[in-house]
């Protein structure tokens, strides 16, 4: 999936929370989170898992499923 799409998903999930609060919860730097949200960087697998767990989502739906091309079944 495109990094920009992933970034948009992460920003939407963050909502009105500050980057510093979420970065703290994920044990990453605020600048790292900003790079994920802007699409300049993709999280490592271990960070993908942390993000998915924090937001109560699956890694698949956050990082690999494009809502426009989601398959049925």
PDB file of N, CA and C in Angstrom:
ATOM      1  N   UNK A   1       0.834  -1.169   0.000  1.00  0.00           N
ATOM      2  CA  UNK A   1       0.000   0.000   0.000  1.00  0.00           C
ATOM      3  C   UNK A   1       0.888   1.244   0.000  1.00  0.00           C
ATOM      4  N   UNK A   2       0.418   2.270  -0.600  1.00  0.00           N
ATOM      5  CA  UNK A   2       1.123   3.538  -0.697  1.00  0.00           C
ATOM      6  C   UNK A   2       1.358   4.139   0.698  1.00  0.00           C
ATOM      7  N   UNK A   3       2.550   4.664   0.912  1.00  0.00           N
ATOM      8  CA  UNK A   3       2.890   5.254   2.215  1.00  0.00           C
ATOM      9  C   UNK A   3       1.999   6.435   2.571  1.00  0.00           C
ATOM     10  N   UNK A   4       1.570   7.185   1.567  1.00  0.00           N
ATOM     11  CA  UNK A   4       0.684   8.334   1.817  1.00  0.00           C
ATOM     12  C   UNK A   4      -0.674   7.868   2.358  1.00  0.00           C
ATOM     13  N   UNK A   5      -1.160   6.741   1.838  1.00  0.00           N
ATOM     14  CA  UNK A   5      -2.429   6.181   2.306  1.00  0.00           C
ATOM     15  C   UNK A   5      -2.282   5.715   3.754  1.00  0.00           C
ATOM     16  N   UNK A   6      -1.175   5.059   4.047  1.00  0.00           N
ATOM     17  CA  UNK A   6      -0.911   4.612   5.414  1.00  0.00           C
ATOM     18  C   UNK A   6      -0.833   5.824   6.342  1.00  0.00           C
ATOM     19  N   UNK A   7      -0.118   6.841   5.911  1.00  0.00           N
ATOM     20  CA  UNK A   7       0.003   8.055   6.713  1.00  0.00           C
ATOM     21  C   UNK A   7      -1.341   8.689   7.015  1.00  0.00           C
ATOM     22  N   UNK A   8      -2.193   8.736   6.016  1.00  0.00           N
ATOM     23  CA  UNK A   8      -3.528   9.309   6.200  1.00  0.00           C
ATOM     24  C   UNK A   8      -4.336   8.492   7.209  1.00  0.00           C
ATOM     25  N   UNK A   9      -4.222   7.180   7.140  1.00  0.00           N
ATOM     26  CA  UNK A   9      -4.907   6.316   8.104  1.00  0.00           C
ATOM     27  C   UNK A   9      -4.411   6.591   9.521  1.00  0.00           C
ATOM     28  N   UNK A  10      -3.092   6.715   9.665  1.00  0.00           N
ATOM     29  CA  UNK A  10      -2.520   6.954  10.989  1.00  0.00           C
ATOM     30  C   UNK A  10      -2.951   8.307  11.544  1.00  0.00           C
ATOM     31  N   UNK A  11      -2.980   9.322  10.694  1.00  0.00           N
ATOM     32  CA  UNK A  11      -3.420  10.651  11.147  1.00  0.00           C
ATOM     33  C   UNK A  11      -4.888  10.621  11.557  1.00  0.00           C
ATOM     34  N   UNK A  12      -5.699   9.913  10.797  1.00  0.00           N
ATOM     35  CA  UNK A  12      -7.122   9.817  11.116  1.00  0.00           C
ATOM     36  C   UNK A  12      -7.323   9.106  12.449  1.00  0.00           C
ATOM     37  N   UNK A  13      -6.580   8.038  12.670  1.00  0.00           N
ATOM     38  CA  UNK A  13      -6.689   7.311  13.932  1.00  0.00           C
ATOM     39  C   UNK A  13      -6.227   8.162  15.113  1.00  0.00           C
ATOM     40  N   UNK A  14      -5.202   8.967  14.905  1.00  0.00           N
ATOM     41  CA  UNK A  14      -4.687   9.820  15.984  1.00  0.00           C
ATOM     42  C   UNK A  14      -5.720  10.843  16.409  1.00  0.00           C
ATOM     43  N   UNK A  15      -6.532  11.284  15.435  1.00  0.00           N
ATOM     44  CA  UNK A  15      -7.587  12.240  15.750  1.00  0.00           C
ATOM     45  C   UNK A  15      -7.046  13.516  16.356  1.00  0.00           C
ATOM     46  N   UNK A  16      -7.623  13.930  17.469  1.00  0.00           N
ATOM     47  CA  UNK A  16      -7.237  15.183  18.119  1.00  0.00           C
ATOM     48  C   UNK A  16      -6.098  15.000  19.120  1.00  0.00           C
ATOM     49  N   UNK A  17      -5.634  13.773  19.287  1.00  0.00           N
ATOM     50  CA  UNK A  17      -4.501  13.535  20.179  1.00  0.00           C
ATOM     51  C   UNK A  17      -3.244  14.156  19.585  1.00  0.00           C
ATOM     52  N   UNK A  18      -2.370  14.613  20.434  1.00  0.00           N
ATOM     53  CA  UNK A  18      -1.114  15.184  19.934  1.00  0.00           C
ATOM     54  C   UNK A  18      -0.173  14.062  19.505  1.00  0.00           C
ATOM     55  N   UNK A  19       0.723  14.396  18.609  1.00  0.00           N
ATOM     56  CA  UNK A  19       1.727  13.421  18.185  1.00  0.00           C
ATOM     57  C   UNK A  19       2.568  12.949  19.368  1.00  0.00           C
ATOM     58  N   UNK A  20       2.879  13.866  20.258  1.00  0.00           N
ATOM     59  CA  UNK A  20       3.743  13.497  21.382  1.00  0.00           C
ATOM     60  C   UNK A  20       3.077  12.458  22.279  1.00  0.00           C
ATOM     61  N   UNK A  21       1.781  12.568  22.495  1.00  0.00           N
ATOM     62  CA  UNK A  21       1.064  11.597  23.324  1.00  0.00           C
ATOM     63  C   UNK A  21       1.104  10.215  22.675  1.00  0.00           C
ATOM     64  N   UNK A  22       0.771  10.162  21.386  1.00  0.00           N
ATOM     65  CA  UNK A  22       0.737   8.875  20.683  1.00  0.00           C
ATOM     66  C   UNK A  22       2.141   8.297  20.554  1.00  0.00           C
ATOM     67  N   UNK A  23       3.107   9.125  20.215  1.00  0.00           N
ATOM     68  CA  UNK A  23       4.494   8.651  20.095  1.00  0.00           C
ATOM     69  C   UNK A  23       4.969   8.063  21.416  1.00  0.00           C
ATOM     70  N   UNK A  24       4.627   8.723  22.505  1.00  0.00           N
ATOM     71  CA  UNK A  24       4.981   8.226  23.832  1.00  0.00           C
ATOM     72  C   UNK A  24       4.378   6.850  24.084  1.00  0.00           C
ATOM     73  N   UNK A  25       3.103   6.705  23.757  1.00  0.00           N
ATOM     74  CA  UNK A  25       2.406   5.422  23.961  1.00  0.00           C
ATOM     75  C   UNK A  25       3.023   4.310  23.110  1.00  0.00           C
ATOM     76  N   UNK A  26       3.513   4.669  21.923  1.00  0.00           N
ATOM     77  CA  UNK A  26       4.087   3.681  21.009  1.00  0.00           C
ATOM     78  C   UNK A  26       5.585   3.474  21.235  1.00  0.00           C
ATOM     79  N   UNK A  27       6.161   4.279  22.121  1.00  0.00           N
ATOM     80  CA  UNK A  27       7.594   4.223  22.425  1.00  0.00           C
ATOM     81  C   UNK A  27       8.449   4.504  21.186  1.00  0.00           C
ATOM     82  N   UNK A  28       8.038   5.543  20.458  1.00  0.00           N
ATOM     83  CA  UNK A  28       8.802   6.038  19.315  1.00  0.00           C
ATOM     84  C   UNK A  28       8.912   7.555  19.460  1.00  0.00           C
ATOM     85  N   UNK A  29       9.779   8.171  18.680  1.00  0.00           N
ATOM     86  CA  UNK A  29       9.910   9.623  18.770  1.00  0.00           C
ATOM     87  C   UNK A  29       8.768  10.299  18.014  1.00  0.00           C
ATOM     88  N   UNK A  30       8.499  11.518  18.413  1.00  0.00           N
ATOM     89  CA  UNK A  30       7.472  12.311  17.751  1.00  0.00           C
ATOM     90  C   UNK A  30       7.819  12.534  16.279  1.00  0.00           C
ATOM     91  N   UNK A  31       9.103  12.750  15.991  1.00  0.00           N
ATOM     92  CA  UNK A  31       9.518  12.971  14.599  1.00  0.00           C
ATOM     93  C   UNK A  31       9.345  11.706  13.757  1.00  0.00           C
ATOM     94  N   UNK A  32       9.554  10.558  14.367  1.00  0.00           N
ATOM     95  CA  UNK A  32       9.336   9.299  13.650  1.00  0.00           C
ATOM     96  C   UNK A  32       7.870   9.146  13.291  1.00  0.00           C
ATOM     97  N   UNK A  33       6.987   9.411  14.251  1.00  0.00           N
ATOM     98  CA  UNK A  33       5.556   9.337  13.980  1.00  0.00           C
ATOM     99  C   UNK A  33       5.167  10.319  12.883  1.00  0.00           C
ATOM    100  N   UNK A  34       5.740  11.514  12.923  1.00  0.00           N
ATOM    101  CA  UNK A  34       5.456  12.512  11.886  1.00  0.00           C
ATOM    102  C   UNK A  34       5.873  12.001  10.511  1.00  0.00           C
ATOM    103  N   UNK A  35       7.001  11.304  10.448  1.00  0.00           N
ATOM    104  CA  UNK A  35       7.464  10.765   9.160  1.00  0.00           C
ATOM    105  C   UNK A  35       6.540   9.652   8.663  1.00  0.00           C
ATOM    106  N   UNK A  36       6.007   8.847   9.574  1.00  0.00           N
ATOM    107  CA  UNK A  36       5.033   7.823   9.180  1.00  0.00           C
ATOM    108  C   UNK A  36       3.762   8.493   8.644  1.00  0.00           C
ATOM    109  N   UNK A  37       3.287   9.491   9.362  1.00  0.00           N
ATOM    110  CA  UNK A  37       2.041  10.159   8.973  1.00  0.00           C
ATOM    111  C   UNK A  37       2.174  10.944   7.678  1.00  0.00           C
ATOM    112  N   UNK A  38       3.353  11.441   7.393  1.00  0.00           N
ATOM    113  CA  UNK A  38       3.544  12.215   6.161  1.00  0.00           C
ATOM    114  C   UNK A  38       3.869  11.325   4.963  1.00  0.00           C
ATOM    115  N   UNK A  39       4.088  10.039   5.217  1.00  0.00           N
ATOM    116  CA  UNK A  39       4.393   9.109   4.135  1.00  0.00           C
ATOM    117  C   UNK A  39       5.854   9.103   3.728  1.00  0.00           C
ATOM    118  N   UNK A  40       6.719   9.701   4.545  1.00  0.00           N
ATOM    119  CA  UNK A  40       8.141   9.726   4.221  1.00  0.00           C
ATOM    120  C   UNK A  40       8.882   8.487   4.709  1.00  0.00           C
ATOM    121  N   UNK A  41       8.213   7.708   5.549  1.00  0.00           N
ATOM    122  CA  UNK A  41       8.860   6.533   6.111  1.00  0.00           C
ATOM    123  C   UNK A  41       7.801   5.487   6.428  1.00  0.00           C
ATOM    124  N   UNK A  42       8.177   4.208   6.326  1.00  0.00           N
ATOM    125  CA  UNK A  42       7.290   3.106   6.657  1.00  0.00           C
ATOM    126  C   UNK A  42       7.789   2.447   7.940  1.00  0.00           C
ATOM    127  N   UNK A  43       6.886   2.155   8.874  1.00  0.00           N
ATOM    128  CA  UNK A  43       7.324   1.528  10.119  1.00  0.00           C
ATOM    129  C   UNK A  43       7.897   0.126   9.903  1.00  0.00           C
ATOM    130  N   UNK A  44       8.859  -0.219  10.747  1.00  0.00           N
ATOM    131  CA  UNK A  44       9.354  -1.600  10.774  1.00  0.00           C
ATOM    132  C   UNK A  44       8.223  -2.497  11.264  1.00  0.00           C
ATOM    133  N   UNK A  45       8.361  -3.795  11.012  1.00  0.00           N
ATOM    134  CA  UNK A  45       7.294  -4.731  11.383  1.00  0.00           C
ATOM    135  C   UNK A  45       6.930  -4.656  12.861  1.00  0.00           C
ATOM    136  N   UNK A  46       7.919  -4.573  13.731  1.00  0.00           N
ATOM    137  CA  UNK A  46       7.620  -4.532  15.174  1.00  0.00           C
ATOM    138  C   UNK A  46       6.823  -3.274  15.541  1.00  0.00           C
ATOM    139  N   UNK A  47       7.084  -2.170  14.851  1.00  0.00           N
ATOM    140  CA  UNK A  47       6.345  -0.940  15.107  1.00  0.00           C
ATOM    141  C   UNK A  47       4.936  -1.038  14.525  1.00  0.00           C
ATOM    142  N   UNK A  48       4.805  -1.682  13.378  1.00  0.00           N
ATOM    143  CA  UNK A  48       3.471  -1.902  12.804  1.00  0.00           C
ATOM    144  C   UNK A  48       2.589  -2.654  13.795  1.00  0.00           C
ATOM    145  N   UNK A  49       3.163  -3.645  14.442  1.00  0.00           N
ATOM    146  CA  UNK A  49       2.420  -4.437  15.423  1.00  0.00           C
ATOM    147  C   UNK A  49       2.010  -3.569  16.612  1.00  0.00           C
ATOM    148  N   UNK A  50       2.929  -2.746  17.105  1.00  0.00           N
ATOM    149  CA  UNK A  50       2.620  -1.845  18.223  1.00  0.00           C
ATOM    150  C   UNK A  50       1.493  -0.885  17.865  1.00  0.00           C
ATOM    151  N   UNK A  51       1.581  -0.315  16.661  1.00  0.00           N
ATOM    152  CA  UNK A  51       0.553   0.637  16.212  1.00  0.00           C
ATOM    153  C   UNK A  51      -0.797  -0.066  16.107  1.00  0.00           C
ATOM    154  N   UNK A  52      -0.815  -1.223  15.480  1.00  0.00           N
ATOM    155  CA  UNK A  52      -2.066  -1.973  15.320  1.00  0.00           C
ATOM    156  C   UNK A  52      -2.666  -2.327  16.678  1.00  0.00           C
ATOM    157  N   UNK A  53      -1.845  -2.797  17.594  1.00  0.00           N
ATOM    158  CA  UNK A  53      -2.343  -3.142  18.926  1.00  0.00           C
ATOM    159  C   UNK A  53      -2.890  -1.918  19.656  1.00  0.00           C
ATOM    160  N   UNK A  54      -2.181  -0.809  19.549  1.00  0.00           N
ATOM    161  CA  UNK A  54      -2.615   0.407  20.235  1.00  0.00           C
ATOM    162  C   UNK A  54      -3.996   0.856  19.741  1.00  0.00           C
ATOM    163  N   UNK A  55      -4.214   0.791  18.443  1.00  0.00           N
ATOM    164  CA  UNK A  55      -5.479   1.232  17.876  1.00  0.00           C
ATOM    165  C   UNK A  55      -6.514   0.106  17.770  1.00  0.00           C
ATOM    166  N   UNK A  56      -6.177  -1.071  18.306  1.00  0.00           N
ATOM    167  CA  UNK A  56      -7.091  -2.212  18.276  1.00  0.00           C
ATOM    168  C   UNK A  56      -7.503  -2.574  16.849  1.00  0.00           C
ATOM    169  N   UNK A  57      -6.514  -2.576  15.973  1.00  0.00           N
ATOM    170  CA  UNK A  57      -6.693  -2.931  14.561  1.00  0.00           C
ATOM    171  C   UNK A  57      -5.731  -4.070  14.237  1.00  0.00           C
ATOM    172  N   UNK A  58      -5.875  -4.635  13.049  1.00  0.00           N
ATOM    173  CA  UNK A  58      -4.897  -5.628  12.602  1.00  0.00           C
ATOM    174  C   UNK A  58      -3.839  -4.935  11.750  1.00  0.00           C
ATOM    175  N   UNK A  59      -2.678  -5.529  11.703  1.00  0.00           N
ATOM    176  CA  UNK A  59      -1.614  -5.016  10.835  1.00  0.00           C
ATOM    177  C   UNK A  59      -2.108  -5.020   9.398  1.00  0.00           C
ATOM    178  N   UNK A  60      -2.824  -6.062   9.028  1.00  0.00           N
ATOM    179  CA  UNK A  60      -3.359  -6.192   7.670  1.00  0.00           C
ATOM    180  C   UNK A  60      -4.226  -4.990   7.293  1.00  0.00           C
ATOM    181  N   UNK A  61      -5.182  -4.651   8.143  1.00  0.00           N
ATOM    182  CA  UNK A  61      -6.088  -3.560   7.768  1.00  0.00           C
ATOM    183  C   UNK A  61      -5.415  -2.192   7.795  1.00  0.00           C
ATOM    184  N   UNK A  62      -4.425  -2.006   8.646  1.00  0.00           N
ATOM    185  CA  UNK A  62      -3.747  -0.707   8.699  1.00  0.00           C
ATOM    186  C   UNK A  62      -2.721  -0.513   7.596  1.00  0.00           C
ATOM    187  N   UNK A  63      -1.989  -1.568   7.272  1.00  0.00           N
ATOM    188  CA  UNK A  63      -0.830  -1.392   6.399  1.00  0.00           C
ATOM    189  C   UNK A  63      -0.931  -2.081   5.040  1.00  0.00           C
ATOM    190  N   UNK A  64      -1.929  -2.929   4.848  1.00  0.00           N
ATOM    191  CA  UNK A  64      -1.977  -3.663   3.587  1.00  0.00           C
ATOM    192  C   UNK A  64      -3.306  -3.595   2.855  1.00  0.00           C
ATOM    193  N   UNK A  65      -4.379  -3.225   3.533  1.00  0.00           N
ATOM    194  CA  UNK A  65      -5.675  -3.147   2.866  1.00  0.00           C
ATOM    195  C   UNK A  65      -5.952  -1.726   2.432  1.00  0.00           C
ATOM    196  N   UNK A  66      -6.208  -1.568   1.181  1.00  0.00           N
ATOM    197  CA  UNK A  66      -6.635  -0.282   0.645  1.00  0.00           C
ATOM    198  C   UNK A  66      -8.161  -0.328   0.609  1.00  0.00           C
ATOM    199  N   UNK A  67      -8.810   0.564   1.313  1.00  0.00           N
ATOM    200  CA  UNK A  67     -10.271   0.548   1.404  1.00  0.00           C
ATOM    201  C   UNK A  67     -10.944   0.547   0.039  1.00  0.00           C
ATOM    202  N   UNK A  68     -10.361   1.204  -0.950  1.00  0.00           N
ATOM    203  CA  UNK A  68     -10.962   1.256  -2.275  1.00  0.00           C
ATOM    204  C   UNK A  68     -10.869  -0.082  -2.996  1.00  0.00           C
ATOM    205  N   UNK A  69      -9.896  -0.905  -2.641  1.00  0.00           N
ATOM    206  CA  UNK A  69      -9.681  -2.168  -3.333  1.00  0.00           C
ATOM    207  C   UNK A  69      -9.863  -3.365  -2.405  1.00  0.00           C
ATOM    208  N   UNK A  70     -10.600  -3.180  -1.331  1.00  0.00           N
ATOM    209  CA  UNK A  70     -10.822  -4.233  -0.361  1.00  0.00           C
ATOM    210  C   UNK A  70     -11.653  -5.350  -1.009  1.00  0.00           C
ATOM    211  N   UNK A  71     -11.180  -6.567  -0.843  1.00  0.00           N
ATOM    212  CA  UNK A  71     -11.877  -7.689  -1.456  1.00  0.00           C
ATOM    213  C   UNK A  71     -12.960  -8.214  -0.522  1.00  0.00           C
ATOM    214  N   UNK A  72     -13.979  -8.773  -1.101  1.00  0.00           N
ATOM    215  CA  UNK A  72     -15.070  -9.377  -0.323  1.00  0.00           C
ATOM    216  C   UNK A  72     -14.696 -10.792   0.041  1.00  0.00           C
ATOM    217  N   UNK A  73     -15.245 -11.274   1.126  1.00  0.00           N
ATOM    218  CA  UNK A  73     -15.019 -12.661   1.444  1.00  0.00           C
ATOM    219  C   UNK A  73     -14.601 -12.826   2.787  1.00  0.00           C
TER     220      UNK A  73
END
